Each structure stands twice: as structure tokens, then as C-alpha cells.
Amino acid sequence: MAALTYLIWLSTREGLRPDLAVELLRRFGTAEAAYYADRGEVELLELPGRLRQSLLDKDLDGTQRVLEACDRENISLLTCLDAAYPERLLQLDDYPLVLYMKGALPRTDEEVVLGMVGSRKCTPYGKMMAGRIAMDLARSGAVVVSGLAEGVDAASLKGALQGGGRVISVLAGGADVVYPACNRWLYQDVLAAGAVISENPPGTRHDGWRFPIRNRIISGLSLGVVVAEAAETRSGSLLTARKALDQGRDVFAVPGPADAPMSGGTNLLISRGEAKLVRSAWDILEEYAGRFPHKLSSPPPLPAEAAAARLAPQPELRAEDEGALQEPRTEQAPSEERAGRLPLLSAADLARLGDEQRDILQLLAEHKLTADELVGRTEIPARRVNTALTILQAQGYLEELPGRRFRAAVRLEQDR
């Protein structure tokens, strides 16, 4: 606990760049040693005045407030000293000393993690390509990591969720601060199927200058970064691509029409040989299939109509609908004869599901229910019930019956 306290203290010093934070940690050996450094030691570092004064401020009240906010907001912390901290991030010269996290972070070092970036003001083409590629990446077993911005970020996360995959969203502000507010439902969906992480304490605003700094984490966690659409000038996505190249990561780019302004950046990356041209998820996955045969699969392609239906925009829920609970109807449990024919889902596989997915699957192992009835029985918000149903169905654990009713397509080992 002492190490955590001092790492939070060090990482929150005013004016401290990530690379300087790592350098100070190396210089002093531990964050605790940096905390106890006296004025003479700090003056020898020749740091900017504001940072120097911040290092001489030994008040831990701010650190305590951060820990209390984490408890209040159900945010877990992962430091660079923890065994679970991603090794891919530790390879960076400017890795975050502390990660703040909500949800369940996949073991990224063991997974095919792919970052997806692109313009906030993307075209319908960019949104469609980002969603389709992310969905097929997820269906094949890859983990998609992106931001939470409108445009390509949101399309990528939605596509991966519709593919039944795990996702990570890296935020520029606090992990508890949804930005933009219009993506609050997407934020909840990400938590149900993965994690939201940030290097900034709870309550931190999403200031514009934080986004380029944040992007090194997206590329750092990933084996490669996919640029779905980007302009040629003033593009944060191109900066992320160049950061990925500096980190030794692969870069992929989706081509567009030669005269399309929003494809100028991706076409430039391809023409310079800095990015591999990709038209589908397989153009990306073929780079990793040999290294991760146990992680990647080749599911049959979705029919065009089914893919389009999954990627179609979902109607926004009204506030009164979100919390609405309906009186559930009682349904008969599956017959023993049918249950005996179903494939067995092991207790280990069941435990790997998110809490909400597990609760829903256990209910549907006993009853045939609609999404609304599941809301009533579980008190899980309707939007997250629909997300869980999509993920479970994509994994082959559910089947849909007439009347939009669902039932389990597996039997659970714990119920034998």
C-alpha cells in the first residue's frame, strides 16, 4: 500500500511528463525515495520550476483523496510494480506509473490486441469500415482497444461488441468521466465486455492536450494499430500511427478514394510504406495467426445482411425506459431430454464471462425470456441486457426463438 501511495503522489506532480516520471523513478529507484528527496537532491535535477516545487510538496492529502475517489467510484488501480501490469506498456520509455481501471482488463500480453483509431468527424464509409473490421476482428478472437470519441472510436467499439469480443477503452480524462456524454451507453457496454482505463485520477477532465498523451497507451497495449480514416493534416490519428511506429508496433490503414479529404492521411501512410493496406480483418489477422494460433479462429463469414443488421445504429433509449421493470412471466425449464443434447459449458468458461453475461445465461438455462423480461428479473439496465445478449449469441451460448425470446444453447457444468 505504501508503494501505491507514493506512486500516485509522484504521478500526480504538476507539470510532470510521462517520460520524466519514468526517468525520476529510475533515478531515485522507488517513488518513496523520490518523495523523501530533500531540496538539495531535487535542485540537482535541473527541472522546470513548477515541477520542482511540486516535488518538494510532501502533502499526501491529494493522494488520499484519489484513493477515496477510487473506492467511491469502484475504480481499481494497477501500478507498474504489479505483476499484472501489461509488459507491452513497460516496454515504453514513457509508460504510465499508475493505471486506473473500471471493468475487467484482459491479459493483454497474451492476446492479439489491436488498436483502432480514426477521425471523430468520419464519413459514413469510415464508420462502416471501422465497424466491420472491428466486428470481424472480435469474432476471430482479437481484443479491440480504442478511445470513446464519436466517429471511428465509437464505431470500432460498437463493431467489436457486436462481434461478441472483448474491448478496452482508454480515456484521456478520469476512468469515471464519460466523454462525450452522448456515448454514456457505449461506456456501459464496454464495462460489460471489457475495461475502461486511464492514467489520470478519478474526476480528471478530458482536456484537449491530454488526448495525444493518451494515444501512446492505445498503441502501447497493441500489437498493431489500424487507422480507419484520417485527414492528411492536423490528424491525431496520424500522430498515433507515428507513435506506434516509434514503439515498434505494426500499422495498418484503410485506403479511400484518392480525392477524399478524410482518406488523405491513410492513403499517405500506405504510399510511404508506413502502413499495410487493409480491406478486411483478415489482412490484419494474417500477420498474427502463426504466433497466436490458440487465440485466433476463422469463423464463417457473416452474410452481408446479418453483418449490416448488427452494425445498424441502435435506437437511443429514453430515460424512463432504461430503468423500466416489467413483471416477468414464468416459463418452463428446458426439458431434460433437450438439456442432455446441449453442448456442455464448463464452469471455467462460465467464470470467464462478465457478471452480467453470467447472470443472464444462468437465467436462460432455466427459462425462455425476452430482453424486457430479463431486465425485470435482473434489474440490469436494458441497454446492457441487449449488449450481453448479443455477445452471448455471438459466442453460440444462446438461441433466439420466435417472439424475440431467448434460451440457452448450452448446459452449464455447475447444474449437472
Protein backbone atom coordinates (compact mmCIF):
# COMPACT_ATOMS: atom_id res chain seq x y z
CA MET A 1 0.00 0.00 0.00
CA ALA A 2 2.89 2.38 0.76
CA ALA A 3 4.32 1.88 -2.75
CA LEU A 4 0.91 2.66 -4.26
CA THR A 5 0.59 5.85 -2.22
CA TYR A 6 3.95 7.17 -3.34
CA LEU A 7 3.42 6.17 -6.97
CA ILE A 8 0.14 8.13 -7.01
CA TRP A 9 1.91 11.06 -5.37
CA LEU A 10 4.72 11.02 -7.96
CA SER A 11 2.45 10.53 -10.99
CA THR A 12 0.26 13.48 -9.99
CA ARG A 13 3.06 16.06 -9.70
CA GLU A 14 2.18 19.24 -11.58
CA GLY A 15 3.96 19.62 -14.90
CA LEU A 16 5.32 16.06 -14.92
CA ARG A 17 5.52 14.48 -18.38
CA PRO A 18 5.22 10.68 -18.58
CA ASP A 19 8.78 10.24 -19.79
CA LEU A 20 10.07 12.40 -16.93
CA ALA A 21 8.03 10.36 -14.45
CA VAL A 22 9.75 7.18 -15.64
CA GLU A 23 13.15 8.91 -15.55
CA LEU A 24 12.58 10.10 -11.96
CA LEU A 25 11.51 6.62 -10.91
CA ARG A 26 14.70 5.20 -12.39
CA ARG A 27 16.84 7.94 -10.89
CA PHE A 28 15.56 7.51 -7.33
CA GLY A 29 14.89 3.76 -7.54
CA THR A 30 11.45 4.00 -5.92
CA ALA A 31 8.62 6.52 -5.72
CA GLU A 32 9.08 6.53 -1.95
CA ALA A 33 12.70 7.63 -2.36
CA ALA A 34 11.55 10.40 -4.68
CA TYR A 35 9.04 11.51 -2.05
CA TYR A 36 11.69 11.73 0.65
CA ALA A 37 14.22 13.53 -1.55
CA ASP A 38 15.24 16.81 0.05
CA ARG A 39 15.56 20.22 -1.59
CA GLY A 40 19.21 19.72 -2.43
CA GLU A 41 18.54 16.47 -4.27
CA VAL A 42 15.64 17.99 -6.18
CA GLU A 43 17.60 21.11 -7.14
CA LEU A 44 20.31 18.93 -8.70
CA LEU A 45 17.77 17.57 -11.21
CA GLU A 46 17.55 20.88 -13.12
CA LEU A 47 13.80 20.55 -13.62
CA PRO A 48 11.32 23.29 -14.56
CA GLY A 49 10.42 25.46 -11.56
CA ARG A 50 6.79 24.38 -11.36
CA LEU A 51 7.69 20.69 -11.32
CA ARG A 52 10.49 21.28 -8.84
CA GLN A 53 8.08 22.96 -6.43
CA SER A 54 5.59 20.14 -6.90
CA LEU A 55 8.23 17.54 -6.00
CA LEU A 56 9.00 19.49 -2.83
CA ASP A 57 5.33 19.44 -1.82
CA LYS A 58 5.12 16.45 0.54
CA ASP A 59 1.42 16.82 1.37
CA LEU A 60 -0.31 13.44 0.84
CA ASP A 61 -3.86 14.75 1.26
CA GLY A 62 -4.37 14.82 -2.50
CA THR A 63 -3.19 11.24 -2.79
CA GLN A 64 -5.62 10.21 -0.06
CA ARG A 65 -8.46 11.93 -1.92
CA VAL A 66 -7.55 9.97 -5.04
CA LEU A 67 -7.71 6.67 -3.13
CA GLU A 68 -11.05 7.62 -1.57
CA ALA A 69 -12.45 8.53 -5.00
CA CYS A 70 -11.31 5.18 -6.36
CA ASP A 71 -13.16 3.39 -3.57
CA ARG A 72 -16.25 5.51 -4.14
CA GLU A 73 -16.29 5.02 -7.92
CA ASN A 74 -15.31 1.33 -7.81
CA ILE A 75 -12.07 2.02 -9.67
CA SER A 76 -9.22 -0.44 -9.29
CA LEU A 77 -5.56 0.53 -9.59
CA LEU A 78 -2.72 -1.19 -11.37
CA THR A 79 0.83 0.09 -10.89
CA CYS A 80 3.99 -0.51 -12.87
CA LEU A 81 5.23 -2.65 -9.97
CA ASP A 82 2.32 -5.10 -10.13
CA ALA A 83 2.75 -8.48 -11.80
CA ALA A 84 -0.49 -7.94 -13.75
CA TYR A 85 0.75 -4.67 -15.29
CA PRO A 86 0.98 -5.10 -19.10
CA GLU A 87 4.51 -5.93 -20.19
CA ARG A 88 3.83 -4.25 -23.53
CA LEU A 89 3.42 -0.94 -21.72
CA LEU A 90 6.57 -1.49 -19.67
CA GLN A 91 8.49 -1.65 -22.94
CA LEU A 92 7.78 2.07 -23.45
CA ASP A 93 10.07 4.85 -22.29
CA ASP A 94 7.01 6.76 -21.07
CA TYR A 95 4.82 4.05 -19.56
CA PRO A 96 2.14 5.17 -17.05
CA LEU A 97 3.21 4.69 -13.44
CA VAL A 98 -0.40 4.04 -12.43
CA LEU A 99 -3.44 2.83 -14.36
CA TYR A 100 -6.97 3.50 -13.09
CA MET A 101 -9.43 0.89 -14.28
CA LYS A 102 -13.11 0.01 -14.31
CA GLY A 103 -14.31 -3.35 -15.59
CA ALA A 104 -12.14 -6.39 -16.28
CA LEU A 105 -8.89 -5.84 -18.18
CA PRO A 106 -7.95 -8.80 -20.41
CA ARG A 107 -4.45 -10.24 -20.04
CA THR A 108 -3.24 -8.09 -22.89
CA ASP A 109 0.25 -9.61 -23.18
CA GLU A 110 -1.32 -12.96 -24.04
CA GLU A 111 -3.86 -11.60 -26.53
CA VAL A 112 -3.97 -10.27 -30.07
CA VAL A 113 -4.74 -6.69 -29.07
CA LEU A 114 -5.32 -4.25 -31.92
CA GLY A 115 -5.80 -0.53 -31.57
CA MET A 116 -8.28 1.25 -33.80
CA VAL A 117 -8.15 4.98 -34.38
CA GLY A 118 -9.55 7.50 -36.82
CA SER A 119 -11.33 10.77 -37.28
CA ARG A 120 -14.08 11.99 -34.96
CA LYS A 121 -15.77 13.58 -37.98
CA CYS A 122 -15.54 10.45 -40.08
CA THR A 123 -17.54 9.78 -43.22
CA PRO A 124 -20.17 7.00 -43.47
CA TYR A 125 -17.51 4.99 -45.33
CA GLY A 126 -15.03 5.36 -42.47
CA LYS A 127 -17.63 4.45 -39.88
CA MET A 128 -18.75 1.40 -41.87
CA MET A 129 -15.21 0.12 -42.44
CA ALA A 130 -14.21 0.66 -38.80
CA GLY A 131 -17.29 -1.18 -37.56
CA ARG A 132 -16.99 -4.06 -39.99
CA ILE A 133 -13.27 -4.63 -39.42
CA ALA A 134 -13.64 -4.39 -35.63
CA MET A 135 -16.57 -6.82 -35.63
CA ASP A 136 -14.62 -9.39 -37.66
CA LEU A 137 -11.52 -8.91 -35.51
CA ALA A 138 -13.61 -9.61 -32.42
CA ARG A 139 -15.34 -12.62 -33.98
CA SER A 140 -11.90 -14.07 -34.71
CA GLY A 141 -10.71 -13.66 -31.11
CA ALA A 142 -8.83 -10.35 -31.17
CA VAL A 143 -9.22 -7.70 -28.47
CA VAL A 144 -10.03 -4.22 -29.80
CA VAL A 145 -8.73 -1.13 -27.99
CA SER A 146 -9.79 2.42 -28.82
CA GLY A 147 -10.90 5.69 -27.29
CA LEU A 148 -14.50 6.64 -26.65
CA ALA A 149 -14.83 9.59 -29.03
CA GLU A 150 -17.55 9.94 -31.62
CA GLY A 151 -16.72 8.71 -35.09
CA VAL A 152 -14.21 5.91 -35.67
CA ASP A 153 -13.60 5.22 -31.96
CA ALA A 154 -17.28 4.62 -31.24
CA ALA A 155 -17.83 2.68 -34.46
CA SER A 156 -14.87 0.41 -33.66
CA LEU A 157 -16.03 -0.35 -30.13
CA LYS A 158 -19.62 -0.95 -31.26
CA GLY A 159 -18.44 -3.25 -34.03
CA ALA A 160 -16.26 -5.28 -31.66
CA LEU A 161 -19.13 -5.57 -29.18
CA GLN A 162 -21.44 -6.76 -31.93
CA GLY A 163 -18.81 -9.36 -32.78
CA GLY A 164 -19.04 -10.69 -29.24
CA GLY A 165 -15.49 -9.69 -28.38
CA ARG A 166 -13.63 -8.09 -25.53
CA VAL A 167 -12.82 -4.41 -25.71
CA ILE A 168 -10.68 -1.82 -23.92
CA SER A 169 -11.35 1.90 -24.00
CA VAL A 170 -8.51 4.22 -22.99
CA LEU A 171 -9.74 7.59 -21.76
CA ALA A 172 -7.89 10.91 -21.69
CA GLY A 173 -9.71 12.01 -18.52
CA GLY A 174 -10.67 10.04 -15.45
CA ALA A 175 -11.96 6.50 -15.85
CA ASP A 176 -15.18 7.65 -14.18
CA VAL A 177 -15.76 10.61 -16.53
CA VAL A 178 -17.80 9.72 -19.63
CA TYR A 179 -16.76 11.86 -22.60
CA PRO A 180 -18.51 12.67 -24.78
CA ALA A 181 -21.68 12.40 -22.71
CA CYS A 182 -23.62 11.09 -25.71
CA ASN A 183 -21.59 7.87 -25.51
CA ARG A 184 -22.70 7.02 -21.96
CA TRP A 185 -24.44 3.86 -23.19
CA LEU A 186 -21.33 2.77 -25.07
CA TYR A 187 -19.28 3.35 -21.91
CA GLN A 188 -21.58 0.97 -20.02
CA ASP A 189 -21.40 -1.59 -22.82
CA VAL A 190 -17.60 -1.50 -22.74
CA LEU A 191 -17.62 -2.11 -18.98
CA ALA A 192 -19.86 -5.14 -19.53
CA ALA A 193 -17.42 -6.68 -22.02
CA GLY A 194 -14.01 -5.39 -21.01
CA ALA A 195 -12.44 -2.40 -19.33
CA VAL A 196 -12.13 1.36 -19.30
CA ILE A 197 -8.67 2.56 -18.27
CA SER A 198 -6.89 5.86 -17.75
CA GLU A 199 -3.59 7.09 -16.36
CA ASN A 200 -5.39 10.02 -14.74
CA PRO A 201 -7.11 10.04 -11.34
CA PRO A 202 -10.90 9.96 -10.98
CA GLY A 203 -12.64 13.20 -11.86
CA THR A 204 -9.95 14.38 -14.31
CA ARG A 205 -11.41 16.41 -17.17
CA HIS A 206 -10.89 15.36 -20.78
CA ASP A 207 -8.77 18.38 -21.70
CA GLY A 208 -7.67 18.52 -25.32
CA TRP A 209 -3.95 18.33 -24.57
CA ARG A 210 -4.42 15.00 -22.79
CA PHE A 211 -5.54 13.10 -25.90
CA PRO A 212 -2.18 12.90 -27.74
CA ILE A 213 -0.57 11.76 -24.48
CA ARG A 214 -3.32 9.16 -24.01
CA ASN A 215 -2.82 7.75 -27.50
CA ARG A 216 0.57 6.22 -26.64
CA ILE A 217 -1.30 3.84 -24.31
CA ILE A 218 -3.64 2.69 -27.09
CA SER A 219 -0.70 1.87 -29.35
CA GLY A 220 1.44 0.62 -26.46
CA LEU A 221 -1.10 -2.02 -25.43
CA SER A 222 -1.46 -3.21 -29.01
CA LEU A 223 0.44 -5.41 -31.41
CA GLY A 224 -0.68 -3.11 -34.19
CA VAL A 225 -2.79 -0.02 -34.82
CA VAL A 226 -5.45 0.26 -37.51
CA VAL A 227 -6.12 3.74 -38.91
CA ALA A 228 -9.62 3.52 -40.35
CA GLU A 229 -9.89 7.07 -41.69
CA ALA A 230 -7.82 10.22 -41.20
CA ALA A 231 -7.21 13.55 -42.87
CA GLU A 232 -3.71 14.39 -44.05
CA THR A 233 -3.29 17.45 -41.83
CA ARG A 234 -3.94 18.12 -38.13
CA SER A 235 -4.75 14.45 -37.55
CA GLY A 236 -4.35 12.92 -34.11
CA SER A 237 -4.72 9.52 -35.74
CA LEU A 238 -1.59 10.07 -37.83
CA LEU A 239 0.28 11.10 -34.68
CA THR A 240 -0.87 7.85 -33.07
CA ALA A 241 0.31 5.89 -36.11
CA ARG A 242 3.73 7.50 -35.92
CA LYS A 243 3.91 6.87 -32.19
CA ALA A 244 3.06 3.22 -32.89
CA LEU A 245 5.92 3.02 -35.39
CA ASP A 246 8.27 4.54 -32.83
CA GLN A 247 7.14 1.89 -30.35
CA GLY A 248 7.86 -0.89 -32.84
CA ARG A 249 4.19 -1.67 -33.43
CA ASP A 250 2.62 -2.60 -36.76
CA VAL A 251 0.48 -0.01 -38.53
CA PHE A 252 -2.44 -0.76 -40.83
CA ALA A 253 -4.51 1.70 -42.86
CA VAL A 254 -7.81 1.51 -44.71
CA PRO A 255 -7.49 3.10 -48.16
CA GLY A 256 -10.01 5.52 -49.56
CA PRO A 257 -10.70 7.43 -52.77
CA ALA A 258 -7.69 9.41 -53.99
CA ASP A 259 -9.58 12.70 -53.79
CA ALA A 260 -11.36 12.07 -50.48
CA PRO A 261 -10.13 14.56 -47.83
CA MET A 262 -10.81 12.15 -44.97
CA SER A 263 -8.72 9.42 -46.61
CA GLY A 264 -5.72 11.65 -47.29
CA GLY A 265 -3.94 10.56 -44.11
CA THR A 266 -4.49 6.83 -44.55
CA ASN A 267 -3.53 6.95 -48.23
CA LEU A 268 -0.36 8.83 -47.27
CA LEU A 269 0.63 6.18 -44.71
CA ILE A 270 0.17 3.47 -47.34
CA SER A 271 2.03 5.34 -50.08
CA ARG A 272 5.02 5.91 -47.80
CA GLY A 273 5.15 2.25 -46.86
CA GLU A 274 4.46 3.11 -43.22
CA ALA A 275 1.23 1.12 -43.10
CA LYS A 276 -0.08 -2.06 -44.64
CA LEU A 277 -3.15 -1.57 -46.82
CA VAL A 278 -6.11 -3.43 -45.32
CA ARG A 279 -9.57 -4.08 -46.73
CA SER A 280 -10.71 -6.68 -44.22
CA ALA A 281 -9.93 -8.05 -40.78
CA TRP A 282 -8.04 -10.97 -42.32
CA ASP A 283 -5.49 -8.59 -43.90
CA ILE A 284 -4.58 -7.77 -40.28
CA LEU A 285 -5.01 -11.15 -38.62
CA GLU A 286 -2.81 -12.99 -41.10
CA GLU A 287 0.14 -11.14 -39.55
CA TYR A 288 -0.51 -12.82 -36.19
CA ALA A 289 -2.18 -16.16 -36.96
CA GLY A 290 1.11 -18.04 -36.82
CA ARG A 291 2.12 -16.51 -33.48
CA PHE A 292 -1.26 -16.87 -31.77
CA PRO A 293 -2.91 -19.99 -33.27
CA HIS A 294 -4.57 -20.78 -29.92
CA LYS A 295 -6.12 -17.32 -29.70
CA LEU A 296 -7.38 -16.72 -33.22
CA SER A 297 -10.05 -18.60 -35.13
CA SER A 298 -11.60 -18.37 -38.58
CA PRO A 299 -15.37 -18.14 -38.07
CA PRO A 300 -17.56 -18.44 -41.16
CA PRO A 301 -18.22 -15.01 -42.67
CA LEU A 302 -21.48 -13.37 -41.73
CA PRO A 303 -23.96 -12.91 -44.55
CA ALA A 304 -23.96 -9.29 -45.72
CA GLU A 305 -27.47 -8.71 -44.39
CA ALA A 306 -26.61 -10.12 -40.96
CA ALA A 307 -23.46 -8.00 -40.73
CA ALA A 308 -25.36 -4.88 -41.74
CA ALA A 309 -28.07 -5.61 -39.18
CA ARG A 310 -25.52 -5.94 -36.39
CA LEU A 311 -23.83 -2.68 -37.33
CA ALA A 312 -27.05 -0.71 -37.82
CA PRO A 313 -27.46 2.18 -35.34
CA GLN A 314 -29.48 1.22 -32.29
CA PRO A 315 -32.34 3.48 -31.19
CA GLU A 316 -31.49 5.62 -28.18
CA LEU A 317 -33.30 4.53 -25.03
CA ARG A 318 -35.44 7.04 -23.20
CA ALA A 319 -34.60 7.62 -19.57
CA GLU A 320 -37.91 6.18 -18.44
CA ASP A 321 -37.30 3.03 -20.48
CA GLU A 322 -33.78 2.47 -19.10
CA GLY A 323 -34.96 1.66 -15.61
CA ALA A 324 -38.30 0.18 -16.51
CA LEU A 325 -39.00 -3.16 -14.87
CA GLN A 326 -41.68 -5.46 -16.17
CA GLU A 327 -43.44 -8.26 -14.41
CA PRO A 328 -41.76 -11.41 -15.69
CA ARG A 329 -43.74 -14.33 -16.95
CA THR A 330 -42.94 -17.81 -15.74
CA GLU A 331 -41.53 -20.14 -18.36
CA GLN A 332 -40.98 -23.84 -18.11
CA ALA A 333 -37.43 -25.04 -17.63
CA PRO A 334 -35.91 -26.83 -20.64
CA SER A 335 -36.82 -30.48 -20.86
CA GLU A 336 -34.25 -32.93 -19.55
CA GLU A 337 -34.14 -34.58 -22.98
CA ARG A 338 -33.20 -31.33 -24.74
CA ALA A 339 -30.79 -30.32 -22.00
CA GLY A 340 -28.97 -33.62 -22.38
CA ARG A 341 -28.33 -32.89 -26.06
CA LEU A 342 -26.83 -29.45 -25.49
CA PRO A 343 -23.05 -28.94 -25.50
CA LEU A 344 -21.55 -28.54 -22.04
CA LEU A 345 -20.18 -25.16 -20.96
CA SER A 346 -17.55 -25.78 -18.32
CA ALA A 347 -17.55 -23.93 -15.01
CA ALA A 348 -14.21 -22.38 -16.03
CA ASP A 349 -15.68 -20.98 -19.27
CA LEU A 350 -18.72 -19.72 -17.36
CA ALA A 351 -16.45 -17.96 -14.84
CA ARG A 352 -14.68 -16.15 -17.69
CA LEU A 353 -17.90 -14.37 -18.67
CA GLY A 354 -18.72 -10.98 -17.24
CA ASP A 355 -21.00 -10.93 -14.20
CA GLU A 356 -24.00 -9.68 -16.17
CA GLN A 357 -23.49 -12.16 -19.02
CA ARG A 358 -23.18 -15.00 -16.49
CA ASP A 359 -26.36 -13.98 -14.63
CA ILE A 360 -28.33 -13.77 -17.88
CA LEU A 361 -27.05 -17.10 -19.19
CA GLN A 362 -27.92 -18.83 -15.92
CA LEU A 363 -31.45 -17.46 -16.10
CA LEU A 364 -31.84 -18.54 -19.72
CA ALA A 365 -30.65 -22.03 -18.84
CA GLU A 366 -33.88 -22.33 -16.85
CA HIS A 367 -36.34 -20.08 -18.72
CA LYS A 368 -37.20 -18.71 -22.16
CA LEU A 369 -37.32 -14.94 -21.74
CA THR A 370 -37.43 -11.73 -23.74
CA ALA A 371 -34.96 -8.92 -23.20
CA ASP A 372 -37.61 -6.95 -21.31
CA GLU A 373 -38.28 -9.88 -19.02
CA LEU A 374 -34.56 -10.22 -18.34
CA VAL A 375 -34.47 -6.55 -17.34
CA GLY A 376 -37.28 -7.20 -14.88
CA ARG A 377 -35.64 -10.24 -13.34
CA THR A 378 -32.07 -8.98 -13.14
CA GLU A 379 -32.54 -5.21 -12.77
CA ILE A 380 -29.68 -4.84 -15.26
CA PRO A 381 -30.30 -1.75 -17.46
CA ALA A 382 -31.97 -2.59 -20.76
CA ARG A 383 -29.09 -1.39 -22.89
CA ARG A 384 -26.62 -3.67 -21.13
CA VAL A 385 -29.02 -6.63 -21.29
CA ASN A 386 -29.15 -6.19 -25.08
CA THR A 387 -25.36 -6.00 -25.26
CA ALA A 388 -24.98 -9.15 -23.15
CA LEU A 389 -27.49 -11.00 -25.34
CA THR A 390 -25.58 -10.01 -28.47
CA ILE A 391 -22.28 -11.19 -27.01
CA LEU A 392 -23.70 -14.49 -25.72
CA GLN A 393 -25.44 -15.16 -29.02
CA ALA A 394 -22.26 -14.42 -30.99
CA GLN A 395 -20.42 -16.95 -28.81
CA GLY A 396 -23.04 -19.57 -29.57
CA TYR A 397 -24.32 -19.74 -25.98
CA LEU A 398 -27.88 -18.58 -26.79
CA GLU A 399 -30.50 -19.18 -29.41
CA GLU A 400 -33.29 -16.83 -30.36
CA LEU A 401 -36.86 -18.14 -30.55
CA PRO A 402 -39.95 -16.65 -32.22
CA GLY A 403 -41.23 -13.59 -30.45
CA ARG A 404 -37.70 -12.35 -29.62
CA ARG A 405 -37.41 -14.84 -26.77
CA PHE A 406 -34.06 -16.36 -25.85
CA ARG A 407 -32.91 -19.59 -24.25
CA ALA A 408 -29.55 -21.14 -23.52
CA ALA A 409 -27.94 -23.21 -26.27
CA VAL A 410 -25.56 -24.83 -23.78
CA ARG A 411 -25.93 -26.64 -20.47
CA LEU A 412 -23.93 -25.41 -17.54
CA GLU A 413 -21.49 -27.71 -15.80
CA GLN A 414 -22.44 -26.45 -12.35
CA ASP A 415 -26.05 -27.50 -12.98
CA ARG A 416 -25.33 -31.16 -13.78
